[in-house]
């Protein structure tokens, strides 16, 4: 393909992106918010808001995509770290940032399992990557705080996001998992066998912010602060 053809293709792709963004807001959101954010978008649309398109993944993956130029309008992270990371690179609108919700860290096992909530879990334990996925970062803090890390570290299975860790437990591929209470609530195939003390890890907060100067993000971010949004988030187990 020659230079002229390449230039034409690039212009067409840019036009397609602009056309999509003119009709939709593109929300990049942490995997653990999937069910809640989908319902929030439906409720926002019902109140006359714009249609929402989504990109769900781990917060670290999403943040790096935004840094690479992905056309996100709104970012919802599962921890403050990745929002701070983008803010430090001036890739979010600082004035739009607020904490949308909070969560609880739990250990789960397949329904009917006899696994116990202690350092003697037999078998593999799924959680998010300990260095990049928020659930994994919280899990690492909690295990170290409780003095369980040295014993359990060889058994940890690190997933690309917390919903994948949940899936491993649902399938019975691992003996247990460390996920959020909201993930456990979303599945009929797992049971919570223990809740990590709040003081064992950093506060689990979900900051949200606009990633662009797109004036269309304002109404959606305002909606996320509404009583309707709070009721939906509570329904899915967020605090």
Protein backbone atom coordinates (compact mmCIF):
# COMPACT_ATOMS: atom_id res chain seq x y z
CA UNK A 1 0.00 0.00 0.00
CA UNK A 2 1.47 3.39 -1.01
CA UNK A 3 1.76 6.54 1.10
CA UNK A 4 -1.34 8.10 -0.46
CA UNK A 5 -3.45 5.05 0.34
CA UNK A 6 -2.12 4.98 3.89
CA UNK A 7 -3.05 8.64 4.37
CA UNK A 8 -6.57 8.07 3.05
CA UNK A 9 -7.05 5.07 5.35
CA UNK A 10 -5.85 7.06 8.36
CA UNK A 11 -8.27 9.89 7.57
CA UNK A 12 -11.15 7.42 7.24
CA UNK A 13 -10.31 5.83 10.59
CA UNK A 14 -10.13 9.23 12.28
CA UNK A 15 -13.50 10.15 10.79
CA UNK A 16 -15.01 6.92 12.10
CA UNK A 17 -13.70 7.60 15.63
CA UNK A 18 -15.05 11.15 15.57
CA UNK A 19 -18.44 9.91 14.34
CA UNK A 20 -18.67 7.31 17.11
CA UNK A 21 -17.62 9.75 19.83
CA UNK A 22 -20.18 12.28 18.59
CA UNK A 23 -23.01 9.87 19.43
CA UNK A 24 -21.60 7.97 22.39
CA UNK A 25 -19.52 8.43 25.48
CA UNK A 26 -16.69 5.92 25.76
CA UNK A 27 -16.24 4.78 29.36
CA UNK A 28 -13.14 2.84 30.44
CA UNK A 29 -14.07 1.02 33.65
CA UNK A 30 -12.49 -1.53 35.99
CA UNK A 31 -13.68 -5.10 35.44
CA UNK A 32 -15.23 -5.30 38.89
CA UNK A 33 -17.72 -2.56 37.95
CA UNK A 34 -19.05 -4.34 34.84
CA UNK A 35 -22.55 -5.20 36.04
CA UNK A 36 -23.11 -1.97 37.93
CA UNK A 37 -21.77 0.32 35.19
CA UNK A 38 -23.94 -1.38 32.57
CA UNK A 39 -27.05 -0.71 34.65
CA UNK A 40 -25.92 2.83 35.42
CA UNK A 41 -25.55 3.50 31.69
CA UNK A 42 -29.04 2.14 31.02
CA UNK A 43 -30.52 4.36 33.75
CA UNK A 44 -28.60 7.39 32.45
CA UNK A 45 -29.95 6.78 28.94
CA UNK A 46 -33.49 6.43 30.32
CA UNK A 47 -33.15 9.88 31.86
CA UNK A 48 -32.26 11.38 28.49
CA UNK A 49 -28.52 10.96 28.58
CA UNK A 50 -26.19 9.87 25.81
CA UNK A 51 -25.57 6.26 24.92
CA UNK A 52 -22.51 4.73 26.57
CA UNK A 53 -19.95 2.37 25.11
CA UNK A 54 -17.58 0.49 27.38
CA UNK A 55 -14.11 -0.90 27.65
CA UNK A 56 -13.82 -3.16 30.71
CA UNK A 57 -10.42 -4.43 31.85
CA UNK A 58 -8.06 -4.16 34.80
CA UNK A 59 -7.44 -0.58 35.88
CA UNK A 60 -3.74 -0.80 35.01
CA UNK A 61 -4.48 -2.03 31.50
CA UNK A 62 -7.01 0.76 30.95
CA UNK A 63 -4.69 3.44 32.29
CA UNK A 64 -1.92 2.37 29.94
CA UNK A 65 -4.35 2.33 27.01
CA UNK A 66 -5.36 5.90 27.84
CA UNK A 67 -1.70 6.91 28.06
CA UNK A 68 -1.18 5.37 24.61
CA UNK A 69 -3.89 7.59 23.16
CA UNK A 70 -7.08 5.52 23.47
CA UNK A 71 -10.07 7.88 23.08
CA UNK A 72 -11.65 7.39 26.53
CA UNK A 73 -14.10 10.00 27.78
CA UNK A 74 -14.44 8.72 31.35
CA UNK A 75 -12.20 6.47 33.45
CA UNK A 76 -13.43 4.51 36.49
CA UNK A 77 -10.56 2.88 38.37
CA UNK A 78 -10.63 0.22 41.10
CA UNK A 79 -7.96 2.06 43.06
CA UNK A 80 -6.47 5.52 43.49
CA UNK A 81 -3.04 4.45 42.24
CA UNK A 82 -3.91 4.24 38.55
CA UNK A 83 -6.02 7.40 38.64
CA UNK A 84 -3.08 9.20 40.31
CA UNK A 85 -0.82 7.80 37.59
CA UNK A 86 -2.96 9.34 34.85
CA UNK A 87 -3.38 12.57 36.78
CA UNK A 88 0.39 12.86 37.08
CA UNK A 89 0.55 12.68 33.28
CA UNK A 90 -2.22 15.27 32.92
CA UNK A 91 -4.46 12.73 31.16
CA UNK A 92 -7.56 13.31 33.29
CA UNK A 93 -9.47 16.45 34.21
CA UNK A 94 -8.40 16.85 37.84
CA UNK A 95 -11.41 18.99 38.74
CA UNK A 96 -13.81 16.25 37.62
CA UNK A 97 -12.32 13.54 39.85
CA UNK A 98 -14.36 12.06 42.70
CA UNK A 99 -14.73 8.76 44.54
CA UNK A 100 -17.68 6.88 43.08
CA UNK A 101 -17.85 3.95 45.51
CA UNK A 102 -15.92 1.63 47.81
CA UNK A 103 -15.68 -2.14 48.20
CA UNK A 104 -14.61 -4.98 50.49
CA UNK A 105 -11.94 -7.64 49.95
CA UNK A 106 -13.03 -11.25 50.49
CA UNK A 107 -11.82 -14.80 50.02
CA UNK A 108 -14.15 -17.08 48.08
CA UNK A 109 -14.34 -20.76 47.24
CA UNK A 110 -16.52 -22.87 44.94
CA UNK A 111 -20.00 -23.39 46.38
CA UNK A 112 -19.96 -26.33 48.77
CA UNK A 113 -16.19 -26.20 49.34
CA UNK A 114 -14.79 -26.93 52.79
CA UNK A 115 -11.94 -24.43 52.35
CA UNK A 116 -11.23 -22.28 55.39
CA UNK A 117 -10.24 -18.64 55.70
CA UNK A 118 -6.69 -18.92 56.97
CA UNK A 119 -3.10 -19.53 55.88
CA UNK A 120 -3.77 -23.25 55.49
CA UNK A 121 -5.84 -23.12 52.30
CA UNK A 122 -5.05 -26.28 50.37
CA UNK A 123 -4.61 -25.73 46.64
CA UNK A 124 -4.24 -22.77 44.35
CA UNK A 125 -5.70 -19.32 45.08
CA UNK A 126 -6.66 -16.94 42.26
CA UNK A 127 -6.43 -13.17 42.47
CA UNK A 128 -5.38 -10.28 40.29
CA UNK A 129 -1.76 -9.72 39.30
CA UNK A 130 0.01 -8.57 42.47
CA UNK A 131 1.86 -5.74 40.74
CA UNK A 132 -0.74 -4.18 38.45
CA UNK A 133 -4.32 -5.34 39.09
CA UNK A 134 -5.92 -3.45 42.02
CA UNK A 135 -7.49 -6.60 43.52
CA UNK A 136 -4.05 -8.22 43.49
CA UNK A 137 -2.43 -5.16 45.05
CA UNK A 138 -5.00 -5.17 47.85
CA UNK A 139 -4.62 -8.95 48.24
CA UNK A 140 -0.84 -8.65 48.60
CA UNK A 141 -1.23 -5.98 51.29
CA UNK A 142 -3.78 -8.08 53.19
CA UNK A 143 -1.78 -11.30 53.04
CA UNK A 144 1.36 -9.55 54.28
CA UNK A 145 -0.57 -7.78 57.03
CA UNK A 146 -2.02 -11.07 58.29
CA UNK A 147 1.31 -12.88 58.00
CA UNK A 148 -0.03 -15.31 55.37
CA UNK A 149 2.00 -14.26 52.34
CA UNK A 150 5.06 -16.47 52.83
CA UNK A 151 2.93 -19.59 53.14
CA UNK A 152 0.42 -18.82 50.39
CA UNK A 153 2.58 -17.01 47.80
CA UNK A 154 3.62 -20.22 45.95
CA UNK A 155 -0.06 -21.10 45.48
CA UNK A 156 -1.22 -17.77 44.08
CA UNK A 157 -2.55 -17.74 40.51
CA UNK A 158 -2.42 -14.22 39.11
CA UNK A 159 -5.18 -13.26 36.70
CA UNK A 160 -5.25 -10.34 34.26
CA UNK A 161 -8.28 -8.88 36.07
CA UNK A 162 -10.48 -9.69 39.05
CA UNK A 163 -13.36 -11.11 36.98
CA UNK A 164 -10.99 -13.67 35.49
CA UNK A 165 -9.95 -14.66 39.01
CA UNK A 166 -13.64 -15.11 39.85
CA UNK A 167 -14.08 -17.27 36.76
CA UNK A 168 -11.26 -19.58 37.84
CA UNK A 169 -13.07 -20.17 41.14
CA UNK A 170 -16.44 -20.66 39.45
CA UNK A 171 -14.94 -23.34 37.21
CA UNK A 172 -13.32 -25.09 40.15
CA UNK A 173 -9.88 -24.59 38.60
CA UNK A 174 -8.57 -23.23 41.90
CA UNK A 175 -9.40 -23.92 45.54
CA UNK A 176 -10.08 -20.31 46.44
CA UNK A 177 -9.90 -16.74 45.22
CA UNK A 178 -9.32 -13.26 46.59
CA UNK A 179 -11.77 -10.86 44.98
CA UNK A 180 -14.16 -8.07 45.91
CA UNK A 181 -17.42 -8.63 47.77
CA UNK A 182 -19.25 -7.32 44.70
CA UNK A 183 -17.71 -10.06 42.53
CA UNK A 184 -18.79 -12.74 45.00
CA UNK A 185 -22.30 -11.26 45.07
CA UNK A 186 -22.48 -11.48 41.28
CA UNK A 187 -21.94 -15.25 41.21
CA UNK A 188 -24.18 -18.07 42.41
CA UNK A 189 -21.29 -20.53 42.00
CA UNK A 190 -19.09 -19.26 44.83
CA UNK A 191 -19.33 -18.64 48.55
CA UNK A 192 -17.53 -16.09 50.71
CA UNK A 193 -15.40 -17.95 53.25
CA UNK A 194 -13.88 -14.87 54.86
CA UNK A 195 -13.63 -11.08 54.78
CA UNK A 196 -10.27 -9.37 55.10
CA UNK A 197 -10.12 -6.75 57.86
CA UNK A 198 -10.30 -3.22 56.47
CA UNK A 199 -7.12 -2.31 58.32
CA UNK A 200 -5.19 -5.07 56.51
CA UNK A 201 -5.11 -3.18 53.21
CA UNK A 202 -5.47 0.26 51.66
CA UNK A 203 -9.02 1.63 51.37
CA UNK A 204 -10.73 0.14 48.31
CA UNK A 205 -12.09 3.16 46.47
CA UNK A 206 -13.28 3.68 42.90
CA UNK A 207 -12.29 7.13 41.63
CA UNK A 208 -13.97 8.38 38.46
CA UNK A 209 -12.92 11.26 36.24
CA UNK A 210 -13.21 12.76 32.80
CA UNK A 211 -10.33 11.93 30.47
CA UNK A 212 -11.01 14.68 28.00
CA UNK A 213 -12.36 18.16 27.57
CA UNK A 214 -15.49 16.66 26.00
CA UNK A 215 -18.34 18.67 27.54
CA UNK A 216 -20.55 15.59 27.18
CA UNK A 217 -18.91 13.92 30.18
CA UNK A 218 -20.35 16.41 32.66
CA UNK A 219 -23.95 15.10 32.70
CA UNK A 220 -22.81 11.48 33.07
CA UNK A 221 -20.41 12.27 35.92
CA UNK A 222 -23.16 14.27 37.62
CA UNK A 223 -25.52 11.33 37.21
CA UNK A 224 -22.97 9.04 38.88
CA UNK A 225 -23.29 11.23 41.99
CA UNK A 226 -27.10 11.01 42.03
CA UNK A 227 -29.32 9.05 44.43
CA UNK A 228 -30.36 6.82 41.53
CA UNK A 229 -26.73 5.90 40.91
CA UNK A 230 -26.11 5.28 44.61
CA UNK A 231 -29.10 2.90 44.75
CA UNK A 232 -27.81 0.95 41.76
CA UNK A 233 -24.30 0.72 43.21
CA UNK A 234 -25.70 -0.47 46.54
CA UNK A 235 -27.75 -3.11 44.74
CA UNK A 236 -24.50 -4.62 43.42
CA UNK A 237 -22.80 -4.55 46.81
CA UNK A 238 -20.76 -1.36 46.51
CA UNK A 239 -20.59 1.01 49.46
